[in-house]
């Protein structure tokens, strides 16, 4: 903002506006536009560079890791999630699973998708958790803390399978 009010910008007398003051009205001008309002003095907006405009040779690789899958889940939704992230620009999608997922419909399609790498979490153990003693159903999750839990997933992704990539999202 300070540059807009700088005395270095040329001012010209504006005779088109009537003014009762002896100093008159001035326009601030530069080589692109002129205006009687100093805050309106701007350069023409430049378009954002596109990939075809750049000459950069930087190549960044990116991967995303999904937590270990288990239980009776909809693998079609997981496939859509993976495709979405692939279209965002991630080069590789890593998805962990427990052995019971291999028998679900859609597992073969996920495994055959070129940008998805499925890895079996062989150390994770499922445990039934209950919200209260009266809870008759409960819910399954990988026992934690312990091998194969969410923290293991994160370390495995960052230190092992995602290590060759410049950017890894969990």
N, C-alpha and C. Protein backbone atom coordinates (compact mmCIF):
# COMPACT_ATOMS: atom_id res chain seq x y z
N UNK A 1 0.82 -1.19 0.00
CA UNK A 1 0.00 0.00 0.00
C UNK A 1 0.86 1.26 0.00
N UNK A 2 1.98 1.23 0.67
CA UNK A 2 2.80 2.42 0.78
C UNK A 2 3.26 2.89 -0.60
N UNK A 3 3.52 1.97 -1.49
CA UNK A 3 3.98 2.34 -2.82
C UNK A 3 2.91 3.09 -3.59
N UNK A 4 1.65 2.83 -3.30
CA UNK A 4 0.58 3.51 -4.02
C UNK A 4 0.52 4.99 -3.68
N UNK A 5 0.92 5.35 -2.47
CA UNK A 5 0.89 6.74 -2.05
C UNK A 5 2.26 7.39 -2.13
N UNK A 6 3.18 6.71 -2.72
CA UNK A 6 4.54 7.20 -2.83
C UNK A 6 4.60 8.42 -3.75
N UNK A 7 5.41 9.41 -3.39
CA UNK A 7 5.55 10.57 -4.27
C UNK A 7 6.25 10.22 -5.58
N UNK A 8 6.78 9.02 -5.69
CA UNK A 8 7.45 8.63 -6.92
C UNK A 8 6.46 8.37 -8.06
N UNK A 9 5.21 8.06 -7.73
CA UNK A 9 4.21 7.88 -8.77
C UNK A 9 3.86 9.23 -9.37
N UNK A 10 3.85 9.35 -10.67
CA UNK A 10 3.52 10.64 -11.28
C UNK A 10 2.06 11.00 -11.04
N UNK A 11 1.83 12.29 -10.80
CA UNK A 11 0.46 12.79 -10.64
C UNK A 11 0.22 13.81 -11.74
N UNK A 12 -0.99 13.80 -12.25
CA UNK A 12 -1.35 14.81 -13.24
C UNK A 12 -2.59 15.53 -12.75
N UNK A 13 -2.73 16.78 -13.13
CA UNK A 13 -3.89 17.59 -12.75
C UNK A 13 -5.10 17.08 -13.50
N UNK A 14 -6.20 16.84 -12.77
CA UNK A 14 -7.44 16.35 -13.38
C UNK A 14 -8.40 17.52 -13.49
N UNK A 15 -8.58 18.02 -14.70
CA UNK A 15 -9.45 19.16 -14.93
C UNK A 15 -10.91 18.73 -15.13
N UNK A 16 -11.16 17.42 -15.18
CA UNK A 16 -12.52 16.95 -15.44
C UNK A 16 -13.41 17.02 -14.22
N UNK A 17 -12.85 17.20 -13.03
CA UNK A 17 -13.67 17.28 -11.83
C UNK A 17 -13.62 18.70 -11.29
N UNK A 18 -14.77 19.18 -10.90
CA UNK A 18 -14.83 20.53 -10.33
C UNK A 18 -14.43 20.45 -8.87
N UNK A 19 -13.58 21.37 -8.48
CA UNK A 19 -13.13 21.37 -7.10
C UNK A 19 -13.11 22.80 -6.59
N UNK A 20 -13.56 22.97 -5.38
CA UNK A 20 -13.56 24.31 -4.79
C UNK A 20 -12.21 24.64 -4.18
N UNK A 21 -11.37 23.63 -4.00
CA UNK A 21 -10.06 23.91 -3.39
C UNK A 21 -9.11 24.44 -4.44
N UNK A 22 -8.16 25.21 -4.01
CA UNK A 22 -7.21 25.80 -4.95
C UNK A 22 -6.21 24.77 -5.47
N UNK A 23 -6.07 23.66 -4.72
CA UNK A 23 -5.08 22.67 -5.17
C UNK A 23 -5.61 21.81 -6.31
N UNK A 24 -6.92 21.69 -6.47
CA UNK A 24 -7.49 20.90 -7.55
C UNK A 24 -7.43 19.42 -7.26
N UNK A 25 -7.77 18.62 -8.25
CA UNK A 25 -7.79 17.17 -8.11
C UNK A 25 -6.68 16.58 -8.95
N UNK A 26 -6.09 15.50 -8.47
CA UNK A 26 -5.00 14.86 -9.19
C UNK A 26 -5.31 13.40 -9.46
N UNK A 27 -4.73 12.89 -10.52
CA UNK A 27 -4.78 11.47 -10.82
C UNK A 27 -3.39 10.90 -10.58
N UNK A 28 -3.35 9.69 -10.05
CA UNK A 28 -2.09 8.96 -9.94
C UNK A 28 -2.00 8.08 -11.16
N UNK A 29 -0.87 8.07 -11.81
CA UNK A 29 -0.74 7.31 -13.05
C UNK A 29 0.52 6.45 -13.01
N UNK A 30 0.49 5.39 -13.76
CA UNK A 30 1.70 4.63 -14.05
C UNK A 30 1.60 4.19 -15.50
N UNK A 31 2.51 3.35 -15.93
CA UNK A 31 2.55 3.01 -17.34
C UNK A 31 1.42 2.09 -17.78
N UNK A 32 0.59 1.59 -16.86
CA UNK A 32 -0.47 0.66 -17.24
C UNK A 32 -1.87 1.26 -17.14
N UNK A 33 -2.18 1.94 -16.06
CA UNK A 33 -3.52 2.48 -15.84
C UNK A 33 -3.42 3.81 -15.15
N UNK A 34 -4.50 4.55 -15.20
CA UNK A 34 -4.56 5.77 -14.43
C UNK A 34 -5.92 5.85 -13.76
N UNK A 35 -5.95 6.50 -12.62
CA UNK A 35 -7.18 6.63 -11.86
C UNK A 35 -7.08 7.84 -10.97
N UNK A 36 -8.21 8.42 -10.62
CA UNK A 36 -8.20 9.52 -9.67
C UNK A 36 -8.12 9.00 -8.24
N UNK A 37 -8.28 7.68 -8.07
CA UNK A 37 -8.13 7.06 -6.75
C UNK A 37 -6.77 6.38 -6.67
N UNK A 38 -5.92 6.77 -5.74
CA UNK A 38 -4.60 6.14 -5.66
C UNK A 38 -4.68 4.63 -5.44
N UNK A 39 -5.70 4.16 -4.72
CA UNK A 39 -5.78 2.72 -4.46
C UNK A 39 -6.18 1.94 -5.70
N UNK A 40 -6.61 2.62 -6.72
CA UNK A 40 -7.01 1.93 -7.94
C UNK A 40 -5.87 1.82 -8.93
N UNK A 41 -4.71 2.36 -8.59
CA UNK A 41 -3.56 2.27 -9.47
C UNK A 41 -2.98 0.87 -9.37
N UNK A 42 -3.14 0.11 -10.42
CA UNK A 42 -2.64 -1.26 -10.43
C UNK A 42 -2.08 -1.59 -11.78
N UNK A 43 -1.30 -2.63 -11.80
CA UNK A 43 -0.83 -3.17 -13.07
C UNK A 43 -1.85 -4.18 -13.55
N UNK A 44 -1.84 -4.46 -14.82
CA UNK A 44 -2.76 -5.47 -15.37
C UNK A 44 -2.50 -6.80 -14.68
N UNK A 45 -3.56 -7.52 -14.29
CA UNK A 45 -3.35 -8.82 -13.65
C UNK A 45 -2.72 -9.81 -14.62
N UNK A 46 -1.76 -10.53 -14.13
CA UNK A 46 -1.08 -11.53 -14.94
C UNK A 46 -1.72 -12.89 -14.70
N UNK A 47 -1.89 -13.69 -15.74
CA UNK A 47 -2.46 -15.02 -15.53
C UNK A 47 -1.50 -15.90 -14.74
N UNK A 48 -2.05 -16.83 -13.96
CA UNK A 48 -1.21 -17.76 -13.23
C UNK A 48 -0.51 -18.67 -14.22
N UNK A 49 0.75 -19.03 -13.95
CA UNK A 49 1.44 -19.92 -14.87
C UNK A 49 0.79 -21.31 -14.85
N UNK A 50 0.78 -21.91 -16.01
CA UNK A 50 0.27 -23.28 -16.09
C UNK A 50 1.46 -24.21 -16.28
N UNK A 51 1.19 -25.49 -16.21
CA UNK A 51 2.27 -26.47 -16.35
C UNK A 51 2.99 -26.29 -17.67
N UNK A 52 2.25 -25.98 -18.73
CA UNK A 52 2.88 -25.82 -20.04
C UNK A 52 3.74 -24.55 -20.12
N UNK A 53 3.48 -23.57 -19.21
CA UNK A 53 4.25 -22.33 -19.22
C UNK A 53 5.58 -22.47 -18.48
N UNK A 54 5.71 -23.46 -17.63
CA UNK A 54 6.90 -23.54 -16.80
C UNK A 54 8.02 -24.28 -17.51
N UNK A 55 9.21 -23.91 -17.15
CA UNK A 55 10.39 -24.57 -17.71
C UNK A 55 11.11 -25.36 -16.63
N UNK A 56 10.47 -25.49 -15.49
CA UNK A 56 11.09 -26.17 -14.37
C UNK A 56 11.22 -27.66 -14.65
N UNK A 57 12.28 -28.24 -14.11
CA UNK A 57 12.49 -29.68 -14.27
C UNK A 57 12.30 -30.41 -12.94
N UNK A 58 11.68 -29.74 -11.98
CA UNK A 58 11.45 -30.36 -10.67
C UNK A 58 10.41 -31.46 -10.82
N UNK A 59 10.71 -32.60 -10.24
CA UNK A 59 9.78 -33.73 -10.26
C UNK A 59 9.59 -34.18 -8.82
N UNK A 60 8.39 -33.98 -8.30
CA UNK A 60 8.09 -34.37 -6.92
C UNK A 60 7.18 -35.58 -6.97
N UNK A 61 7.54 -36.61 -6.22
CA UNK A 61 6.70 -37.80 -6.15
C UNK A 61 5.93 -37.79 -4.84
N UNK A 62 4.67 -38.24 -4.90
CA UNK A 62 3.81 -38.20 -3.72
C UNK A 62 3.05 -39.51 -3.58
N UNK A 63 2.88 -39.92 -2.34
CA UNK A 63 2.13 -41.14 -2.04
C UNK A 63 1.19 -40.85 -0.87
N UNK A 64 0.14 -41.65 -0.76
CA UNK A 64 -0.78 -41.54 0.36
C UNK A 64 -0.97 -42.94 0.94
N UNK A 65 -1.03 -43.01 2.26
CA UNK A 65 -1.20 -44.29 2.95
C UNK A 65 -2.55 -44.33 3.65
N UNK A 66 -3.24 -45.43 3.47
CA UNK A 66 -4.52 -45.65 4.15
C UNK A 66 -4.27 -46.58 5.32
N UNK A 67 -5.00 -46.37 6.42
CA UNK A 67 -4.88 -47.26 7.57
C UNK A 67 -5.29 -48.67 7.19
N UNK A 68 -4.89 -49.62 7.99
CA UNK A 68 -5.19 -51.03 7.74
C UNK A 68 -6.69 -51.28 7.69
N UNK A 69 -7.12 -51.97 6.64
CA UNK A 69 -8.53 -52.34 6.47
C UNK A 69 -8.80 -53.66 7.17
N UNK A 70 -9.98 -53.77 7.78
CA UNK A 70 -10.39 -55.03 8.40
C UNK A 70 -11.90 -55.04 8.51
N UNK A 71 -12.45 -56.22 8.76
CA UNK A 71 -13.89 -56.34 8.95
C UNK A 71 -14.65 -56.37 7.63
N UNK A 72 -15.94 -56.23 7.73
CA UNK A 72 -16.82 -56.26 6.57
C UNK A 72 -16.97 -54.84 6.04
N UNK A 73 -16.11 -54.45 5.13
CA UNK A 73 -16.09 -53.08 4.62
C UNK A 73 -16.44 -53.07 3.15
N UNK A 74 -16.83 -51.91 2.65
CA UNK A 74 -17.18 -51.73 1.25
C UNK A 74 -15.91 -51.35 0.48
N UNK A 75 -15.34 -52.30 -0.22
CA UNK A 75 -14.09 -52.04 -0.94
C UNK A 75 -14.31 -51.16 -2.17
N UNK A 76 -15.55 -51.08 -2.66
CA UNK A 76 -15.84 -50.19 -3.78
C UNK A 76 -15.62 -48.73 -3.35
N UNK A 77 -16.03 -48.40 -2.14
CA UNK A 77 -15.80 -47.04 -1.62
C UNK A 77 -14.30 -46.75 -1.45
N UNK A 78 -13.57 -47.75 -1.00
CA UNK A 78 -12.11 -47.59 -0.87
C UNK A 78 -11.49 -47.35 -2.25
N UNK A 79 -11.97 -48.06 -3.25
CA UNK A 79 -11.49 -47.86 -4.62
C UNK A 79 -11.77 -46.45 -5.12
N UNK A 80 -12.96 -45.91 -4.81
CA UNK A 80 -13.29 -44.54 -5.21
C UNK A 80 -12.38 -43.54 -4.49
N UNK A 81 -12.15 -43.80 -3.20
CA UNK A 81 -11.26 -42.93 -2.43
C UNK A 81 -9.86 -42.92 -3.05
N UNK A 82 -9.37 -44.10 -3.43
CA UNK A 82 -8.03 -44.21 -4.02
C UNK A 82 -7.98 -43.50 -5.37
N UNK A 83 -9.01 -43.67 -6.18
CA UNK A 83 -9.04 -43.02 -7.50
C UNK A 83 -9.04 -41.50 -7.33
N UNK A 84 -9.81 -41.00 -6.39
CA UNK A 84 -9.85 -39.56 -6.12
C UNK A 84 -8.45 -39.04 -5.80
N UNK A 85 -7.74 -39.72 -4.91
CA UNK A 85 -6.39 -39.27 -4.55
C UNK A 85 -5.41 -39.41 -5.71
N UNK A 86 -5.60 -40.41 -6.53
CA UNK A 86 -4.75 -40.55 -7.72
C UNK A 86 -5.00 -39.37 -8.67
N UNK A 87 -6.25 -39.00 -8.85
CA UNK A 87 -6.58 -37.87 -9.72
C UNK A 87 -6.08 -36.54 -9.14
N UNK A 88 -5.95 -36.47 -7.82
CA UNK A 88 -5.37 -35.27 -7.21
C UNK A 88 -3.87 -35.13 -7.50
N UNK A 89 -3.25 -36.22 -7.91
CA UNK A 89 -1.84 -36.16 -8.27
C UNK A 89 -0.93 -37.07 -7.48
N UNK A 90 -1.49 -37.87 -6.59
CA UNK A 90 -0.64 -38.82 -5.86
C UNK A 90 -0.22 -39.94 -6.82
N UNK A 91 1.05 -40.27 -6.79
CA UNK A 91 1.59 -41.29 -7.68
C UNK A 91 1.25 -42.70 -7.23
N UNK A 92 1.15 -42.91 -5.93
CA UNK A 92 0.96 -44.25 -5.38
C UNK A 92 0.04 -44.17 -4.18
N UNK A 93 -0.87 -45.15 -4.07
CA UNK A 93 -1.77 -45.28 -2.95
C UNK A 93 -1.42 -46.59 -2.25
N UNK A 94 -1.04 -46.50 -0.97
CA UNK A 94 -0.73 -47.70 -0.18
C UNK A 94 -1.90 -48.00 0.74
N UNK A 95 -2.37 -49.24 0.71
CA UNK A 95 -3.50 -49.64 1.56
C UNK A 95 -3.13 -50.93 2.28
N UNK A 96 -3.14 -50.86 3.60
CA UNK A 96 -2.89 -52.06 4.41
C UNK A 96 -4.19 -52.81 4.64
N UNK A 97 -4.09 -54.09 4.91
CA UNK A 97 -5.29 -54.90 5.17
C UNK A 97 -4.93 -56.07 6.07
N UNK A 98 -5.93 -56.52 6.83
CA UNK A 98 -5.81 -57.78 7.57
C UNK A 98 -6.31 -58.89 6.65
N UNK A 99 -5.90 -60.13 6.94
CA UNK A 99 -6.16 -61.24 6.02
C UNK A 99 -7.64 -61.47 5.73
N UNK A 100 -8.56 -61.12 6.66
CA UNK A 100 -9.98 -61.36 6.41
C UNK A 100 -10.55 -60.54 5.26
N UNK A 101 -9.89 -59.46 4.88
CA UNK A 101 -10.37 -58.58 3.81
C UNK A 101 -10.16 -59.22 2.43
N UNK A 102 -9.23 -60.13 2.31
CA UNK A 102 -8.93 -60.74 1.02
C UNK A 102 -10.13 -61.45 0.40
N UNK A 103 -11.07 -61.89 1.23
CA UNK A 103 -12.23 -62.64 0.74
C UNK A 103 -13.41 -61.75 0.35
N UNK A 104 -13.31 -60.45 0.55
CA UNK A 104 -14.43 -59.55 0.25
C UNK A 104 -14.50 -59.23 -1.24
N UNK A 105 -15.73 -58.99 -1.74
CA UNK A 105 -15.87 -58.59 -3.15
C UNK A 105 -15.13 -57.29 -3.41
N UNK A 106 -14.41 -57.24 -4.49
CA UNK A 106 -13.68 -56.04 -4.88
C UNK A 106 -12.21 -56.04 -4.50
N UNK A 107 -11.79 -57.00 -3.68
CA UNK A 107 -10.39 -57.01 -3.25
C UNK A 107 -9.46 -57.23 -4.44
N UNK A 108 -9.81 -58.15 -5.33
CA UNK A 108 -8.95 -58.43 -6.49
C UNK A 108 -8.81 -57.19 -7.38
N UNK A 109 -9.90 -56.44 -7.55
CA UNK A 109 -9.83 -55.22 -8.38
C UNK A 109 -8.90 -54.18 -7.75
N UNK A 110 -8.97 -54.05 -6.43
CA UNK A 110 -8.06 -53.11 -5.77
C UNK A 110 -6.61 -53.54 -5.97
N UNK A 111 -6.36 -54.81 -5.76
CA UNK A 111 -5.00 -55.33 -5.88
C UNK A 111 -4.45 -55.18 -7.31
N UNK A 112 -5.32 -55.26 -8.30
CA UNK A 112 -4.89 -55.16 -9.70
C UNK A 112 -4.80 -53.72 -10.22
N UNK A 113 -5.28 -52.76 -9.47
CA UNK A 113 -5.22 -51.36 -9.90
C UNK A 113 -3.77 -50.91 -9.92
N UNK A 114 -3.30 -50.37 -11.05
CA UNK A 114 -1.87 -50.08 -11.20
C UNK A 114 -1.28 -49.09 -10.20
N UNK A 115 -2.04 -48.14 -9.73
CA UNK A 115 -1.49 -47.13 -8.82
C UNK A 115 -1.72 -47.46 -7.35
N UNK A 116 -2.33 -48.62 -7.05
CA UNK A 116 -2.57 -49.03 -5.66
C UNK A 116 -1.64 -50.17 -5.30
N UNK A 117 -1.00 -50.05 -4.14
CA UNK A 117 -0.21 -51.14 -3.59
C UNK A 117 -0.89 -51.61 -2.32
N UNK A 118 -1.33 -52.86 -2.32
CA UNK A 118 -1.95 -53.46 -1.15
C UNK A 118 -0.86 -54.21 -0.37
N UNK A 119 -0.81 -54.00 0.94
CA UNK A 119 0.15 -54.74 1.75
C UNK A 119 -0.58 -55.33 2.95
N UNK A 120 -0.23 -56.56 3.29
CA UNK A 120 -0.90 -57.23 4.39
C UNK A 120 -0.24 -56.85 5.71
N UNK A 121 -1.07 -56.42 6.64
CA UNK A 121 -0.62 -56.13 8.00
C UNK A 121 -0.68 -57.46 8.75
N UNK A 122 0.46 -58.13 8.84
CA UNK A 122 0.51 -59.47 9.44
C UNK A 122 0.68 -59.44 10.95
N UNK A 123 0.91 -58.28 11.52
CA UNK A 123 1.14 -58.21 12.97
C UNK A 123 -0.05 -57.66 13.75
N UNK A 124 -1.01 -57.05 13.07
CA UNK A 124 -2.18 -56.49 13.74
C UNK A 124 -3.13 -57.57 14.21
N UNK A 125 -3.64 -57.42 15.42
CA UNK A 125 -4.59 -58.38 16.01
C UNK A 125 -5.87 -57.63 16.36
N UNK A 126 -7.01 -58.19 15.93
CA UNK A 126 -8.30 -57.57 16.24
C UNK A 126 -8.71 -57.85 17.67
N UNK A 127 -9.35 -56.86 18.26
CA UNK A 127 -9.86 -57.02 19.62
C UNK A 127 -11.26 -56.43 19.66
N UNK A 128 -12.15 -57.09 20.40
CA UNK A 128 -13.51 -56.61 20.56
C UNK A 128 -13.54 -55.62 21.72
N UNK A 129 -13.97 -54.40 21.43
CA UNK A 129 -14.11 -53.37 22.45
C UNK A 129 -15.60 -53.14 22.70
N UNK A 130 -15.95 -52.87 23.95
CA UNK A 130 -17.34 -52.60 24.31
C UNK A 130 -17.42 -51.22 24.95
N UNK A 131 -18.51 -50.52 24.64
CA UNK A 131 -18.72 -49.19 25.21
C UNK A 131 -19.08 -49.26 26.69
N UNK A 132 -19.72 -50.35 27.09
CA UNK A 132 -20.08 -50.54 28.50
C UNK A 132 -20.25 -52.03 28.75
N UNK A 133 -20.47 -52.39 29.99
CA UNK A 133 -20.68 -53.81 30.30
C UNK A 133 -22.00 -54.32 29.74
N UNK A 134 -22.96 -53.42 29.52
CA UNK A 134 -24.26 -53.80 28.96
C UNK A 134 -24.22 -53.91 27.44
N UNK A 135 -23.15 -53.44 26.82
CA UNK A 135 -23.03 -53.47 25.36
C UNK A 135 -22.94 -54.92 24.89
N UNK A 136 -23.89 -55.35 24.07
CA UNK A 136 -23.90 -56.74 23.61
C UNK A 136 -23.17 -56.93 22.29
N UNK A 137 -22.94 -55.85 21.55
CA UNK A 137 -22.28 -56.00 20.25
C UNK A 137 -20.83 -55.54 20.28
N UNK A 138 -20.58 -54.35 20.76
CA UNK A 138 -19.22 -53.82 20.77
C UNK A 138 -18.74 -53.48 19.37
N UNK A 139 -17.47 -53.28 19.24
CA UNK A 139 -16.89 -53.00 17.93
C UNK A 139 -15.47 -53.56 17.89
N UNK A 140 -15.03 -53.87 16.69
CA UNK A 140 -13.69 -54.41 16.48
C UNK A 140 -12.73 -53.29 16.11
N UNK A 141 -11.54 -53.41 16.60
CA UNK A 141 -10.46 -52.54 16.14
C UNK A 141 -9.15 -53.26 16.42
N UNK A 142 -8.13 -52.80 15.78
CA UNK A 142 -6.83 -53.41 15.99
C UNK A 142 -6.37 -53.07 17.39
N UNK A 143 -5.93 -54.08 18.11
CA UNK A 143 -5.51 -53.90 19.50
C UNK A 143 -4.43 -52.85 19.58
N UNK A 144 -4.59 -51.96 20.56
CA UNK A 144 -3.60 -50.92 20.73
C UNK A 144 -3.39 -50.64 22.20
N UNK A 145 -2.28 -50.18 22.59
CA UNK A 145 -1.10 -50.09 21.73
C UNK A 145 -0.53 -51.47 21.47
N UNK A 146 0.06 -51.60 20.32
CA UNK A 146 0.65 -52.89 20.00
C UNK A 146 1.09 -52.96 18.56
N UNK A 147 1.73 -54.05 18.18
CA UNK A 147 2.17 -54.21 16.80
C UNK A 147 0.97 -54.20 15.85
N UNK A 148 1.12 -53.50 14.77
CA UNK A 148 0.07 -53.46 13.75
C UNK A 148 -1.01 -52.43 14.00
N UNK A 149 -0.91 -51.64 15.08
CA UNK A 149 -1.95 -50.63 15.34
C UNK A 149 -1.72 -49.41 14.46
N UNK A 150 -2.50 -48.37 14.68
CA UNK A 150 -2.43 -47.18 13.84
C UNK A 150 -1.04 -46.55 13.86
N UNK A 151 -0.40 -46.51 15.01
CA UNK A 151 0.95 -45.95 15.08
C UNK A 151 1.94 -46.78 14.25
N UNK A 152 1.75 -48.10 14.28
CA UNK A 152 2.58 -48.97 13.45
C UNK A 152 2.35 -48.64 11.98
N UNK A 153 1.07 -48.46 11.59
CA UNK A 153 0.74 -48.11 10.20
C UNK A 153 1.49 -46.86 9.76
N UNK A 154 1.48 -45.84 10.61
CA UNK A 154 2.12 -44.58 10.27
C UNK A 154 3.64 -44.76 10.11
N UNK A 155 4.26 -45.42 11.09
CA UNK A 155 5.71 -45.65 11.00
C UNK A 155 6.06 -46.50 9.78
N UNK A 156 5.29 -47.55 9.53
CA UNK A 156 5.55 -48.43 8.39
C UNK A 156 5.44 -47.66 7.07
N UNK A 157 4.45 -46.80 6.99
CA UNK A 157 4.27 -46.01 5.78
C UNK A 157 5.42 -45.03 5.56
N UNK A 158 5.77 -44.29 6.60
CA UNK A 158 6.80 -43.26 6.46
C UNK A 158 8.21 -43.83 6.33
N UNK A 159 8.51 -44.89 7.08
CA UNK A 159 9.89 -45.39 7.13
C UNK A 159 10.18 -46.52 6.15
N UNK A 160 9.14 -47.21 5.71
CA UNK A 160 9.39 -48.38 4.86
C UNK A 160 8.80 -48.18 3.45
N UNK A 161 7.49 -48.33 3.33
CA UNK A 161 6.91 -48.35 1.98
C UNK A 161 6.88 -46.97 1.32
N UNK A 162 6.76 -45.89 2.09
CA UNK A 162 6.71 -44.56 1.50
C UNK A 162 8.05 -43.86 1.41
N UNK A 163 9.10 -44.50 1.86
CA UNK A 163 10.41 -43.87 1.94
C UNK A 163 10.93 -43.33 0.59
N UNK A 164 10.70 -44.00 -0.53
CA UNK A 164 11.23 -43.48 -1.79
C UNK A 164 10.51 -42.21 -2.31
N UNK A 165 9.41 -41.82 -1.70
CA UNK A 165 8.62 -40.69 -2.18
C UNK A 165 9.01 -39.39 -1.48
N UNK A 166 8.89 -38.28 -2.21
CA UNK A 166 9.22 -36.98 -1.64
C UNK A 166 8.18 -36.52 -0.62
N UNK A 167 6.93 -36.85 -0.87
CA UNK A 167 5.83 -36.43 -0.02
C UNK A 167 4.97 -37.65 0.29
N UNK A 168 4.67 -37.86 1.57
CA UNK A 168 3.81 -38.97 1.97
C UNK A 168 2.73 -38.42 2.88
N UNK A 169 1.48 -38.70 2.52
CA UNK A 169 0.34 -38.27 3.33
C UNK A 169 -0.22 -39.49 4.03
N UNK A 170 -0.58 -39.32 5.29
CA UNK A 170 -1.18 -40.41 6.06
C UNK A 170 -2.67 -40.25 6.02
